[in-house]
Amino acid sequence: MRLILLTLLTMTAFAANSLLTRAAVEPGHITPQGFAILRVAAGALTLGALVALRGGALPLLRLARLPGAVSLALYMTGFSLAYITLDAGLGALILFGVTQIVMFLHGAVTGAPPTRRQIAGATLAFAGLALVLWPTRGAVSDPVGAALMVAAGIGWGIYTIVGRGAGDPLAATAANFILCLPLVVLALAAYGFEANAYGVSLSLFSGAATSGLGYALWYTILPRMKGATAAVVQLSVPIIAILGGAVLLGEAVSATVLIATVLVLGGIGWAVTAPRPKAARADRR
């Protein structure tokens, strides 16, 4: 029960990041570049302080930290820029749809070959993403925003895969944020910074609470989950974000987005819950 509650709290934090970013960036309360930089800085400061208060050390000068820091920087940059044009729910759908496909492909490459059920589920999920990403005259998503969110999804997928091996979740997350900060600054600082107090407060809260603490919690519960389970639970995030965007931000939910949501979540859920082939189970004994 404790793991279920912690997982629900984490997924809610993930969805809140979409809502906070959209609420800050789309109306112009802060530039997306400024939001990303302040978000990472607040996360780094909060997590670094918690590690220091605990009396622990930060594993900064380790080669193993680079994948986490670089993938986090890719996610943070693409995520913030994408929400200039994407609704919170649609952005979360693209983000976590791509994330689960990355995790699915990683599992297929490093584990057993995909089964027919896994291939069918992945195909269904791709069809759902294609429905909202396909460049047509009446397209649901902005192509540039969608491309940025696809990049963010790849980054978050890698970050999640790397996190399964974190020995000290809090210290690992703090180190990732600290190393990620200069990468994000280098990527975005040249674009300028404009913000009001409301935009700054949303970015700081997103960085310190729903990102920093949320990601540390995610790294804590990840080792207690199977890879398929970690993939499945994240499928709840787009649903929370779509509902939150409709209720809190007044975003419209089109029939196309609803159909795509069913295809993406259903397809990936069907794929990642497929039983392992008998040969693969026998090899693990």
C-alpha atoms as a PDB file:
ATOM      1  CA  MET A   1       0.000   0.000   0.000  1.00  0.00           C
ATOM      2  CA  ARG A   2       2.859   2.423   0.833  1.00  0.00           C
ATOM      3  CA  LEU A   3       4.453   1.822  -2.585  1.00  0.00           C
ATOM      4  CA  ILE A   4       1.102   2.460  -4.302  1.00  0.00           C
ATOM      5  CA  LEU A   5       0.606   5.759  -2.462  1.00  0.00           C
ATOM      6  CA  LEU A   6       4.161   6.920  -3.183  1.00  0.00           C
ATOM      7  CA  THR A   7       3.726   6.001  -6.837  1.00  0.00           C
ATOM      8  CA  LEU A   8       0.443   7.931  -7.052  1.00  0.00           C
ATOM      9  CA  LEU A   9       2.111  10.954  -5.444  1.00  0.00           C
ATOM     10  CA  THR A  10       4.985  10.757  -7.927  1.00  0.00           C
ATOM     11  CA  MET A  11       2.703  10.502 -10.970  1.00  0.00           C
ATOM     12  CA  THR A  12       0.699  13.480  -9.717  1.00  0.00           C
ATOM     13  CA  ALA A  13       3.943  15.466  -9.408  1.00  0.00           C
ATOM     14  CA  PHE A  14       4.871  14.544 -12.978  1.00  0.00           C
ATOM     15  CA  ALA A  15       1.489  15.724 -14.261  1.00  0.00           C
ATOM     16  CA  ALA A  16       1.788  18.907 -12.183  1.00  0.00           C
ATOM     17  CA  ASN A  17       5.005  19.772 -14.023  1.00  0.00           C
ATOM     18  CA  SER A  18       3.069  19.879 -17.290  1.00  0.00           C
ATOM     19  CA  LEU A  19       0.377  22.069 -15.757  1.00  0.00           C
ATOM     20  CA  LEU A  20       2.840  24.432 -14.066  1.00  0.00           C
ATOM     21  CA  THR A  21       4.964  24.837 -17.177  1.00  0.00           C
ATOM     22  CA  ARG A  22       1.964  25.486 -19.401  1.00  0.00           C
ATOM     23  CA  ALA A  23       0.454  27.932 -16.883  1.00  0.00           C
ATOM     24  CA  ALA A  24       3.710  29.885 -16.703  1.00  0.00           C
ATOM     25  CA  VAL A  25       4.962  29.810 -20.288  1.00  0.00           C
ATOM     26  CA  GLU A  26       1.891  29.989 -22.548  1.00  0.00           C
ATOM     27  CA  PRO A  27       0.447  33.254 -21.110  1.00  0.00           C
ATOM     28  CA  GLY A  28       3.919  34.831 -21.127  1.00  0.00           C
ATOM     29  CA  HIS A  29       4.534  35.028 -17.383  1.00  0.00           C
ATOM     30  CA  ILE A  30       8.065  33.777 -18.071  1.00  0.00           C
ATOM     31  CA  THR A  31      10.037  32.790 -21.133  1.00  0.00           C
ATOM     32  CA  PRO A  32      10.430  29.016 -21.588  1.00  0.00           C
ATOM     33  CA  GLN A  33      14.201  29.425 -21.387  1.00  0.00           C
ATOM     34  CA  GLY A  34      13.915  31.212 -18.070  1.00  0.00           C
ATOM     35  CA  PHE A  35      11.466  28.638 -16.757  1.00  0.00           C
ATOM     36  CA  ALA A  36      13.812  25.760 -17.592  1.00  0.00           C
ATOM     37  CA  ILE A  37      16.865  27.431 -16.025  1.00  0.00           C
ATOM     38  CA  LEU A  38      15.067  28.442 -12.817  1.00  0.00           C
ATOM     39  CA  ARG A  39      13.421  25.029 -12.583  1.00  0.00           C
ATOM     40  CA  VAL A  40      16.737  23.189 -12.740  1.00  0.00           C
ATOM     41  CA  ALA A  41      18.440  25.701 -10.422  1.00  0.00           C
ATOM     42  CA  ALA A  42      15.679  25.360  -7.797  1.00  0.00           C
ATOM     43  CA  GLY A  43      15.845  21.574  -8.004  1.00  0.00           C
ATOM     44  CA  ALA A  44      19.633  21.575  -7.691  1.00  0.00           C
ATOM     45  CA  LEU A  45      19.576  23.935  -4.686  1.00  0.00           C
ATOM     46  CA  THR A  46      16.803  22.047  -2.865  1.00  0.00           C
ATOM     47  CA  LEU A  47      18.267  18.601  -3.406  1.00  0.00           C
ATOM     48  CA  GLY A  48      21.830  19.724  -2.706  1.00  0.00           C
ATOM     49  CA  ALA A  49      20.702  21.264   0.600  1.00  0.00           C
ATOM     50  CA  LEU A  50      18.869  18.075   1.597  1.00  0.00           C
ATOM     51  CA  VAL A  51      21.949  15.964   0.886  1.00  0.00           C
ATOM     52  CA  ALA A  52      24.127  18.398   2.870  1.00  0.00           C
ATOM     53  CA  LEU A  53      21.725  18.366   5.837  1.00  0.00           C
ATOM     54  CA  ARG A  54      21.785  14.592   5.774  1.00  0.00           C
ATOM     55  CA  GLY A  55      25.566  14.680   5.875  1.00  0.00           C
ATOM     56  CA  GLY A  56      26.038  12.790   2.623  1.00  0.00           C
ATOM     57  CA  ALA A  57      28.345  13.335  -0.324  1.00  0.00           C
ATOM     58  CA  LEU A  58      27.372  14.315  -3.847  1.00  0.00           C
ATOM     59  CA  PRO A  59      28.639  11.878  -6.528  1.00  0.00           C
ATOM     60  CA  LEU A  60      29.536  14.620  -9.012  1.00  0.00           C
ATOM     61  CA  LEU A  61      32.925  13.541 -10.346  1.00  0.00           C
ATOM     62  CA  ARG A  62      31.774  10.194 -11.695  1.00  0.00           C
ATOM     63  CA  LEU A  63      31.517   9.197 -15.336  1.00  0.00           C
ATOM     64  CA  ALA A  64      28.328   7.288 -14.531  1.00  0.00           C
ATOM     65  CA  ARG A  65      26.574  10.608 -13.768  1.00  0.00           C
ATOM     66  CA  LEU A  66      26.884  11.892 -17.340  1.00  0.00           C
ATOM     67  CA  PRO A  67      23.988   9.898 -18.878  1.00  0.00           C
ATOM     68  CA  GLY A  68      21.634  11.095 -16.147  1.00  0.00           C
ATOM     69  CA  ALA A  69      22.733  14.737 -16.398  1.00  0.00           C
ATOM     70  CA  VAL A  70      22.674  14.891 -20.210  1.00  0.00           C
ATOM     71  CA  SER A  71      19.324  13.099 -20.528  1.00  0.00           C
ATOM     72  CA  LEU A  72      17.835  15.363 -17.842  1.00  0.00           C
ATOM     73  CA  ALA A  73      19.103  18.438 -19.720  1.00  0.00           C
ATOM     74  CA  LEU A  74      17.538  17.156 -22.951  1.00  0.00           C
ATOM     75  CA  TYR A  75      14.237  16.596 -21.184  1.00  0.00           C
ATOM     76  CA  MET A  76      14.223  19.970 -19.379  1.00  0.00           C
ATOM     77  CA  THR A  77      15.054  21.942 -22.519  1.00  0.00           C
ATOM     78  CA  GLY A  78      12.604  20.240 -24.855  1.00  0.00           C
ATOM     79  CA  PHE A  79       9.851  20.140 -22.232  1.00  0.00           C
ATOM     80  CA  SER A  80       9.868  23.875 -21.486  1.00  0.00           C
ATOM     81  CA  LEU A  81      10.135  25.013 -25.108  1.00  0.00           C
ATOM     82  CA  ALA A  82       7.388  22.635 -26.256  1.00  0.00           C
ATOM     83  CA  TYR A  83       4.795  24.123 -23.923  1.00  0.00           C
ATOM     84  CA  ILE A  84       4.796  27.414 -25.800  1.00  0.00           C
ATOM     85  CA  THR A  85       2.372  25.778 -28.228  1.00  0.00           C
ATOM     86  CA  LEU A  86       1.205  22.448 -26.737  1.00  0.00           C
ATOM     87  CA  ASP A  87      -1.638  21.995 -24.251  1.00  0.00           C
ATOM     88  CA  ALA A  88      -0.654  20.366 -20.950  1.00  0.00           C
ATOM     89  CA  GLY A  89      -2.511  17.129 -21.663  1.00  0.00           C
ATOM     90  CA  LEU A  90      -1.322  16.755 -25.248  1.00  0.00           C
ATOM     91  CA  GLY A  91       2.259  17.495 -24.225  1.00  0.00           C
ATOM     92  CA  ALA A  92       2.119  14.853 -21.494  1.00  0.00           C
ATOM     93  CA  LEU A  93       0.635  12.350 -23.945  1.00  0.00           C
ATOM     94  CA  ILE A  94       3.486  12.853 -26.415  1.00  0.00           C
ATOM     95  CA  LEU A  95       6.098  12.927 -23.652  1.00  0.00           C
ATOM     96  CA  PHE A  96       5.099   9.719 -21.922  1.00  0.00           C
ATOM     97  CA  GLY A  97       4.104   7.968 -25.128  1.00  0.00           C
ATOM     98  CA  VAL A  98       7.638   8.460 -26.445  1.00  0.00           C
ATOM     99  CA  THR A  99       9.099   7.628 -23.019  1.00  0.00           C
ATOM    100  CA  GLN A 100       7.354   4.260 -22.887  1.00  0.00           C
ATOM    101  CA  ILE A 101       8.380   3.434 -26.446  1.00  0.00           C
ATOM    102  CA  VAL A 102      12.025   4.180 -25.491  1.00  0.00           C
ATOM    103  CA  MET A 103      11.706   1.931 -22.438  1.00  0.00           C
ATOM    104  CA  PHE A 104       9.990  -0.756 -24.484  1.00  0.00           C
ATOM    105  CA  LEU A 105      12.754  -0.713 -27.106  1.00  0.00           C
ATOM    106  CA  HIS A 106      15.412  -0.774 -24.387  1.00  0.00           C
ATOM    107  CA  GLY A 107      13.778  -3.814 -22.803  1.00  0.00           C
ATOM    108  CA  ALA A 108      13.484  -5.534 -26.176  1.00  0.00           C
ATOM    109  CA  VAL A 109      17.172  -4.933 -26.966  1.00  0.00           C
ATOM    110  CA  THR A 110      18.584  -5.854 -23.556  1.00  0.00           C
ATOM    111  CA  GLY A 111      16.130  -8.640 -22.711  1.00  0.00           C
ATOM    112  CA  ALA A 112      14.062 -11.131 -24.686  1.00  0.00           C
ATOM    113  CA  PRO A 113      13.010 -10.442 -28.306  1.00  0.00           C
ATOM    114  CA  PRO A 114       9.559  -8.837 -28.521  1.00  0.00           C
ATOM    115  CA  THR A 115       6.542 -11.112 -28.681  1.00  0.00           C
ATOM    116  CA  ARG A 116       3.663 -10.712 -31.126  1.00  0.00           C
ATOM    117  CA  ARG A 117       1.638  -9.063 -28.384  1.00  0.00           C
ATOM    118  CA  GLN A 118       4.412  -6.566 -27.670  1.00  0.00           C
ATOM    119  CA  ILE A 119       4.801  -5.749 -31.356  1.00  0.00           C
ATOM    120  CA  ALA A 120       1.029  -5.303 -31.720  1.00  0.00           C
ATOM    121  CA  GLY A 121       0.881  -3.039 -28.661  1.00  0.00           C
ATOM    122  CA  ALA A 122       3.807  -0.923 -29.831  1.00  0.00           C
ATOM    123  CA  THR A 123       2.248  -0.584 -33.290  1.00  0.00           C
ATOM    124  CA  LEU A 124      -1.013   0.605 -31.722  1.00  0.00           C
ATOM    125  CA  ALA A 125       0.868   3.161 -29.613  1.00  0.00           C
ATOM    126  CA  PHE A 126       2.761   4.449 -32.652  1.00  0.00           C
ATOM    127  CA  ALA A 127      -0.565   4.839 -34.449  1.00  0.00           C
ATOM    128  CA  GLY A 128      -1.889   6.958 -31.578  1.00  0.00           C
ATOM    129  CA  LEU A 129       1.162   9.215 -31.603  1.00  0.00           C
ATOM    130  CA  ALA A 130       0.981   9.501 -35.396  1.00  0.00           C
ATOM    131  CA  LEU A 131      -2.625  10.645 -35.065  1.00  0.00           C
ATOM    132  CA  VAL A 132      -1.619  13.761 -33.118  1.00  0.00           C
ATOM    133  CA  LEU A 133       1.790  14.287 -34.709  1.00  0.00           C
ATOM    134  CA  TRP A 134       0.960  13.834 -38.392  1.00  0.00           C
ATOM    135  CA  PRO A 135       1.411  17.181 -40.233  1.00  0.00           C
ATOM    136  CA  THR A 136      -1.993  17.911 -41.771  1.00  0.00           C
ATOM    137  CA  ARG A 137      -3.941  21.107 -42.351  1.00  0.00           C
ATOM    138  CA  GLY A 138      -6.109  20.461 -39.299  1.00  0.00           C
ATOM    139  CA  ALA A 139      -3.265  19.047 -37.203  1.00  0.00           C
ATOM    140  CA  VAL A 140      -3.861  18.803 -33.460  1.00  0.00           C
ATOM    141  CA  SER A 141      -0.300  19.623 -32.454  1.00  0.00           C
ATOM    142  CA  ASP A 142       2.193  22.243 -33.530  1.00  0.00           C
ATOM    143  CA  PRO A 143       4.988  20.381 -35.391  1.00  0.00           C
ATOM    144  CA  VAL A 144       7.837  22.269 -33.719  1.00  0.00           C
ATOM    145  CA  GLY A 145       6.321  21.881 -30.259  1.00  0.00           C
ATOM    146  CA  ALA A 146       5.659  18.207 -30.924  1.00  0.00           C
ATOM    147  CA  ALA A 147       9.247  17.636 -32.091  1.00  0.00           C
ATOM    148  CA  LEU A 148      10.582  19.314 -28.959  1.00  0.00           C
ATOM    149  CA  MET A 149       8.374  17.131 -26.772  1.00  0.00           C
ATOM    150  CA  VAL A 150       9.502  14.001 -28.628  1.00  0.00           C
ATOM    151  CA  ALA A 151      13.095  14.981 -27.786  1.00  0.00           C
ATOM    152  CA  ALA A 152      12.026  15.514 -24.168  1.00  0.00           C
ATOM    153  CA  GLY A 153      10.412  12.067 -24.144  1.00  0.00           C
ATOM    154  CA  ILE A 154      13.623  10.456 -25.372  1.00  0.00           C
ATOM    155  CA  GLY A 155      15.544  12.280 -22.645  1.00  0.00           C
ATOM    156  CA  TRP A 156      13.096  11.251 -19.922  1.00  0.00           C
ATOM    157  CA  GLY A 157      13.090   7.640 -21.125  1.00  0.00           C
ATOM    158  CA  ILE A 158      16.874   7.474 -20.844  1.00  0.00           C
ATOM    159  CA  TYR A 159      16.765   9.234 -17.471  1.00  0.00           C
ATOM    160  CA  THR A 160      14.291   6.652 -16.158  1.00  0.00           C
ATOM    161  CA  ILE A 161      16.341   3.725 -17.448  1.00  0.00           C
ATOM    162  CA  VAL A 162      19.510   5.134 -15.856  1.00  0.00           C
ATOM    163  CA  GLY A 163      17.654   5.721 -12.580  1.00  0.00           C
ATOM    164  CA  ARG A 164      16.911   2.032 -12.051  1.00  0.00           C
ATOM    165  CA  GLY A 165      20.526   1.567 -10.998  1.00  0.00           C
ATOM    166  CA  ALA A 166      20.702   4.495  -8.560  1.00  0.00           C
ATOM    167  CA  GLY A 167      22.181   3.355  -5.244  1.00  0.00           C
ATOM    168  CA  ASP A 168      21.388   6.580  -3.345  1.00  0.00           C
ATOM    169  CA  PRO A 169      18.328   8.131  -5.033  1.00  0.00           C
ATOM    170  CA  LEU A 170      18.513  11.522  -3.301  1.00  0.00           C
ATOM    171  CA  ALA A 171      22.235  12.025  -3.910  1.00  0.00           C
ATOM    172  CA  ALA A 172      21.985  10.736  -7.500  1.00  0.00           C
ATOM    173  CA  THR A 173      19.097  13.080  -8.312  1.00  0.00           C
ATOM    174  CA  ALA A 174      20.863  16.043  -6.682  1.00  0.00           C
ATOM    175  CA  ALA A 175      24.030  15.344  -8.675  1.00  0.00           C
ATOM    176  CA  ASN A 176      22.019  15.031 -11.895  1.00  0.00           C
ATOM    177  CA  PHE A 177      20.372  18.412 -11.326  1.00  0.00           C
ATOM    178  CA  ILE A 178      23.636  20.154 -10.407  1.00  0.00           C
ATOM    179  CA  LEU A 179      25.449  18.775 -13.472  1.00  0.00           C
ATOM    180  CA  CYS A 180      22.423  19.429 -15.663  1.00  0.00           C
ATOM    181  CA  LEU A 181      22.243  23.146 -14.748  1.00  0.00           C
ATOM    182  CA  PRO A 182      25.282  24.389 -16.748  1.00  0.00           C
ATOM    183  CA  LEU A 183      24.142  22.337 -19.750  1.00  0.00           C
ATOM    184  CA  VAL A 184      20.704  23.964 -19.699  1.00  0.00           C
ATOM    185  CA  VAL A 185      22.210  27.424 -19.179  1.00  0.00           C
ATOM    186  CA  LEU A 186      24.574  26.954 -22.134  1.00  0.00           C
ATOM    187  CA  ALA A 187      21.719  25.734 -24.317  1.00  0.00           C
ATOM    188  CA  LEU A 188      19.215  28.458 -23.432  1.00  0.00           C
ATOM    189  CA  ALA A 189      20.859  31.511 -21.839  1.00  0.00           C
ATOM    190  CA  ALA A 190      21.497  33.230 -25.169  1.00  0.00           C
ATOM    191  CA  TYR A 191      17.742  33.492 -25.823  1.00  0.00           C
ATOM    192  CA  GLY A 192      17.181  36.012 -23.030  1.00  0.00           C
ATOM    193  CA  PHE A 193      15.134  36.045 -19.866  1.00  0.00           C
ATOM    194  CA  GLU A 194      11.865  37.825 -19.140  1.00  0.00           C
ATOM    195  CA  ALA A 195       9.568  37.025 -16.230  1.00  0.00           C
ATOM    196  CA  ASN A 196       7.149  38.397 -13.698  1.00  0.00           C
ATOM    197  CA  ALA A 197       6.816  37.318 -10.081  1.00  0.00           C
ATOM    198  CA  TYR A 198       4.084  34.782 -10.891  1.00  0.00           C
ATOM    199  CA  GLY A 199       6.164  33.081 -13.567  1.00  0.00           C
ATOM    200  CA  VAL A 200       9.203  32.936 -11.312  1.00  0.00           C
ATOM    201  CA  SER A 201       7.195  31.442  -8.440  1.00  0.00           C
ATOM    202  CA  LEU A 202       5.741  28.712 -10.672  1.00  0.00           C
ATOM    203  CA  SER A 203       9.167  27.784 -12.026  1.00  0.00           C
ATOM    204  CA  LEU A 204      10.743  27.675  -8.563  1.00  0.00           C
ATOM    205  CA  PHE A 205       7.923  25.522  -7.184  1.00  0.00           C
ATOM    206  CA  SER A 206       8.161  23.186 -10.164  1.00  0.00           C
ATOM    207  CA  GLY A 207      11.920  22.866  -9.715  1.00  0.00           C
ATOM    208  CA  ALA A 208      12.028  22.420  -5.942  1.00  0.00           C
ATOM    209  CA  ALA A 209       8.888  20.365  -5.326  1.00  0.00           C
ATOM    210  CA  THR A 210       7.319  18.596  -8.305  1.00  0.00           C
ATOM    211  CA  SER A 211      10.647  18.122 -10.117  1.00  0.00           C
ATOM    212  CA  GLY A 212      13.452  17.864  -7.561  1.00  0.00           C
ATOM    213  CA  LEU A 213      11.603  16.044  -4.788  1.00  0.00           C
ATOM    214  CA  GLY A 214       9.373  14.247  -7.291  1.00  0.00           C
ATOM    215  CA  TYR A 215      12.323  12.844  -9.227  1.00  0.00           C
ATOM    216  CA  ALA A 216      14.149  11.841  -6.046  1.00  0.00           C
ATOM    217  CA  LEU A 217      11.015   9.953  -5.009  1.00  0.00           C
ATOM    218  CA  TRP A 218      10.853   8.343  -8.455  1.00  0.00           C
ATOM    219  CA  TYR A 219      14.467   7.168  -8.167  1.00  0.00           C
ATOM    220  CA  THR A 220      13.577   5.783  -4.714  1.00  0.00           C
ATOM    221  CA  ILE A 221      10.674   3.623  -5.878  1.00  0.00           C
ATOM    222  CA  LEU A 222      12.116   2.614  -9.270  1.00  0.00           C
ATOM    223  CA  PRO A 223      14.356  -0.192  -7.904  1.00  0.00           C
ATOM    224  CA  ARG A 224      11.277  -1.711  -6.242  1.00  0.00           C
ATOM    225  CA  MET A 225       9.451  -2.007  -9.571  1.00  0.00           C
ATOM    226  CA  LYS A 226       9.839  -4.271 -12.545  1.00  0.00           C
ATOM    227  CA  GLY A 227      10.642  -2.487 -15.792  1.00  0.00           C
ATOM    228  CA  ALA A 228       7.173  -3.206 -17.187  1.00  0.00           C
ATOM    229  CA  THR A 229       5.513  -1.885 -14.035  1.00  0.00           C
ATOM    230  CA  ALA A 230       7.557   1.327 -14.139  1.00  0.00           C
ATOM    231  CA  ALA A 231       6.425   1.807 -17.716  1.00  0.00           C
ATOM    232  CA  VAL A 232       2.759   1.095 -17.005  1.00  0.00           C
ATOM    233  CA  VAL A 233       2.368   3.418 -14.006  1.00  0.00           C
ATOM    234  CA  GLN A 234       3.635   6.417 -16.000  1.00  0.00           C
ATOM    235  CA  LEU A 235       0.725   5.925 -18.392  1.00  0.00           C
ATOM    236  CA  SER A 236      -1.476   7.554 -15.770  1.00  0.00           C
ATOM    237  CA  VAL A 237       0.332  10.895 -16.132  1.00  0.00           C
ATOM    238  CA  PRO A 238      -1.257  12.007 -19.433  1.00  0.00           C
ATOM    239  CA  ILE A 239      -4.710  11.244 -18.035  1.00  0.00           C
ATOM    240  CA  ILE A 240      -4.033  13.353 -14.927  1.00  0.00           C
ATOM    241  CA  ALA A 241      -2.575  16.136 -17.066  1.00  0.00           C
ATOM    242  CA  ILE A 242      -5.488  16.118 -19.531  1.00  0.00           C
ATOM    243  CA  LEU A 243      -8.022  16.309 -16.709  1.00  0.00           C
ATOM    244  CA  GLY A 244      -5.979  18.946 -14.876  1.00  0.00           C
ATOM    245  CA  GLY A 245      -5.538  21.006 -18.034  1.00  0.00           C
ATOM    246  CA  ALA A 246      -9.270  20.944 -18.711  1.00  0.00           C
ATOM    247  CA  VAL A 247     -10.283  21.819 -15.126  1.00  0.00           C
ATOM    248  CA  LEU A 248      -7.519  24.203 -14.056  1.00  0.00           C
ATOM    249  CA  LEU A 249      -6.379  25.791 -17.319  1.00  0.00           C
ATOM    250  CA  GLY A 250      -9.594  25.633 -19.350  1.00  0.00           C
ATOM    251  CA  GLU A 251      -7.953  23.621 -22.131  1.00  0.00           C
ATOM    252  CA  ALA A 252     -10.259  21.977 -24.661  1.00  0.00           C
ATOM    253  CA  VAL A 253     -10.045  18.202 -25.058  1.00  0.00           C
ATOM    254  CA  SER A 254     -10.687  17.250 -28.676  1.00  0.00           C
ATOM    255  CA  ALA A 255     -11.996  13.914 -29.895  1.00  0.00           C
ATOM    256  CA  THR A 256      -8.693  13.346 -31.724  1.00  0.00           C
ATOM    257  CA  VAL A 257      -6.698  13.728 -28.513  1.00  0.00           C
ATOM    258  CA  LEU A 258      -9.052  11.361 -26.674  1.00  0.00           C
ATOM    259  CA  ILE A 259      -8.770   8.721 -29.415  1.00  0.00           C
ATOM    260  CA  ALA A 260      -4.985   9.113 -29.494  1.00  0.00           C
ATOM    261  CA  THR A 261      -4.859   8.786 -25.710  1.00  0.00           C
ATOM    262  CA  VAL A 262      -6.748   5.498 -25.827  1.00  0.00           C
ATOM    263  CA  LEU A 263      -4.488   4.169 -28.602  1.00  0.00           C
ATOM    264  CA  VAL A 264      -1.201   5.225 -26.953  1.00  0.00           C
ATOM    265  CA  LEU A 265      -2.013   4.169 -23.407  1.00  0.00           C
ATOM    266  CA  GLY A 266      -3.840   1.022 -24.437  1.00  0.00           C
ATOM    267  CA  GLY A 267      -1.163  -0.054 -26.897  1.00  0.00           C
ATOM    268  CA  ILE A 268       1.764   0.473 -24.554  1.00  0.00           C
ATOM    269  CA  GLY A 269      -0.125  -1.018 -21.617  1.00  0.00           C
ATOM    270  CA  TRP A 270      -0.862  -4.094 -23.731  1.00  0.00           C
ATOM    271  CA  ALA A 271       2.778  -4.358 -24.805  1.00  0.00           C
ATOM    272  CA  VAL A 272       4.585  -3.881 -21.502  1.00  0.00           C
ATOM    273  CA  THR A 273       2.307  -6.245 -19.562  1.00  0.00           C
ATOM    274  CA  ALA A 274       2.910  -9.098 -21.979  1.00  0.00           C
ATOM    275  CA  PRO A 275       4.379 -12.186 -20.256  1.00  0.00           C
ATOM    276  CA  ARG A 276       7.984 -13.011 -21.023  1.00  0.00           C
ATOM    277  CA  PRO A 277       8.574 -15.821 -23.496  1.00  0.00           C
ATOM    278  CA  LYS A 278       9.153 -19.201 -21.879  1.00  0.00           C
ATOM    279  CA  ALA A 279      12.700 -19.320 -23.200  1.00  0.00           C
ATOM    280  CA  ALA A 280      13.524 -16.002 -21.561  1.00  0.00           C
ATOM    281  CA  ARG A 281      12.057 -17.148 -18.228  1.00  0.00           C
ATOM    282  CA  ALA A 282      14.051 -20.378 -18.397  1.00  0.00           C
ATOM    283  CA  ASP A 283      17.291 -18.485 -19.081  1.00  0.00           C
ATOM    284  CA  ARG A 284      16.798 -16.415 -15.914  1.00  0.00           C
ATOM    285  CA  ARG A 285      16.507 -19.428 -13.629  1.00  0.00           C
END
